[in-house]
């Protein structure tokens, strides 16, 4: 395995991880959790 193959593999794995994070963040079942977290600074103690 030469260095260019390793670089290509690293790029592909990084891209797949990035797409996974984007998919997780924009999934509908996480929407309620993110809406709740967005309102945390406005809550009174």
C-alpha atoms as a PDB file:
ATOM      1  CA  UNK A   1       0.000   0.000   0.000  1.00  0.00           C
ATOM      2  CA  UNK A   2       1.604   3.225  -1.061  1.00  0.00           C
ATOM      3  CA  UNK A   3       1.040   6.672   0.416  1.00  0.00           C
ATOM      4  CA  UNK A   4      -1.420   7.799  -2.277  1.00  0.00           C
ATOM      5  CA  UNK A   5      -3.727   4.858  -1.573  1.00  0.00           C
ATOM      6  CA  UNK A   6      -3.618   5.675   2.123  1.00  0.00           C
ATOM      7  CA  UNK A   7      -4.412   9.335   1.432  1.00  0.00           C
ATOM      8  CA  UNK A   8      -7.337   8.381  -0.801  1.00  0.00           C
ATOM      9  CA  UNK A   9      -8.697   6.001   1.817  1.00  0.00           C
ATOM     10  CA  UNK A  10      -8.397   8.674   4.510  1.00  0.00           C
ATOM     11  CA  UNK A  11     -10.269  11.157   2.315  1.00  0.00           C
ATOM     12  CA  UNK A  12     -13.107   8.727   1.634  1.00  0.00           C
ATOM     13  CA  UNK A  13     -13.434   7.749   5.309  1.00  0.00           C
ATOM     14  CA  UNK A  14     -13.462  11.414   6.360  1.00  0.00           C
ATOM     15  CA  UNK A  15     -16.150  12.211   3.795  1.00  0.00           C
ATOM     16  CA  UNK A  16     -18.318   9.309   4.971  1.00  0.00           C
ATOM     17  CA  UNK A  17     -17.968  10.457   8.586  1.00  0.00           C
ATOM     18  CA  UNK A  18     -18.889  14.013   7.571  1.00  0.00           C
ATOM     19  CA  UNK A  19     -21.996  12.822   5.722  1.00  0.00           C
ATOM     20  CA  UNK A  20     -22.946  10.716   8.767  1.00  0.00           C
ATOM     21  CA  UNK A  21     -22.699  13.723  11.085  1.00  0.00           C
ATOM     22  CA  UNK A  22     -24.773  15.865   8.720  1.00  0.00           C
ATOM     23  CA  UNK A  23     -27.395  13.119   8.441  1.00  0.00           C
ATOM     24  CA  UNK A  24     -27.523  12.758  12.249  1.00  0.00           C
ATOM     25  CA  UNK A  25     -27.862  16.512  12.787  1.00  0.00           C
ATOM     26  CA  UNK A  26     -30.653  16.933  10.240  1.00  0.00           C
ATOM     27  CA  UNK A  27     -32.647  13.812  11.147  1.00  0.00           C
ATOM     28  CA  UNK A  28     -36.255  14.481  12.134  1.00  0.00           C
ATOM     29  CA  UNK A  29     -36.115  12.494  15.361  1.00  0.00           C
ATOM     30  CA  UNK A  30     -33.344  14.782  16.687  1.00  0.00           C
ATOM     31  CA  UNK A  31     -35.293  17.949  15.873  1.00  0.00           C
ATOM     32  CA  UNK A  32     -37.086  18.105  19.229  1.00  0.00           C
ATOM     33  CA  UNK A  33     -33.818  17.686  21.141  1.00  0.00           C
ATOM     34  CA  UNK A  34     -32.139  20.463  19.185  1.00  0.00           C
ATOM     35  CA  UNK A  35     -35.140  22.780  19.606  1.00  0.00           C
ATOM     36  CA  UNK A  36     -35.011  22.209  23.348  1.00  0.00           C
ATOM     37  CA  UNK A  37     -31.253  22.865  23.432  1.00  0.00           C
ATOM     38  CA  UNK A  38     -31.722  26.058  21.418  1.00  0.00           C
ATOM     39  CA  UNK A  39     -34.094  27.418  24.068  1.00  0.00           C
ATOM     40  CA  UNK A  40     -31.858  26.634  27.067  1.00  0.00           C
ATOM     41  CA  UNK A  41     -30.291  30.129  27.283  1.00  0.00           C
ATOM     42  CA  UNK A  42     -33.752  31.695  27.606  1.00  0.00           C
ATOM     43  CA  UNK A  43     -34.991  29.568  30.508  1.00  0.00           C
ATOM     44  CA  UNK A  44     -35.236  31.123  33.964  1.00  0.00           C
ATOM     45  CA  UNK A  45     -33.683  29.359  36.934  1.00  0.00           C
END
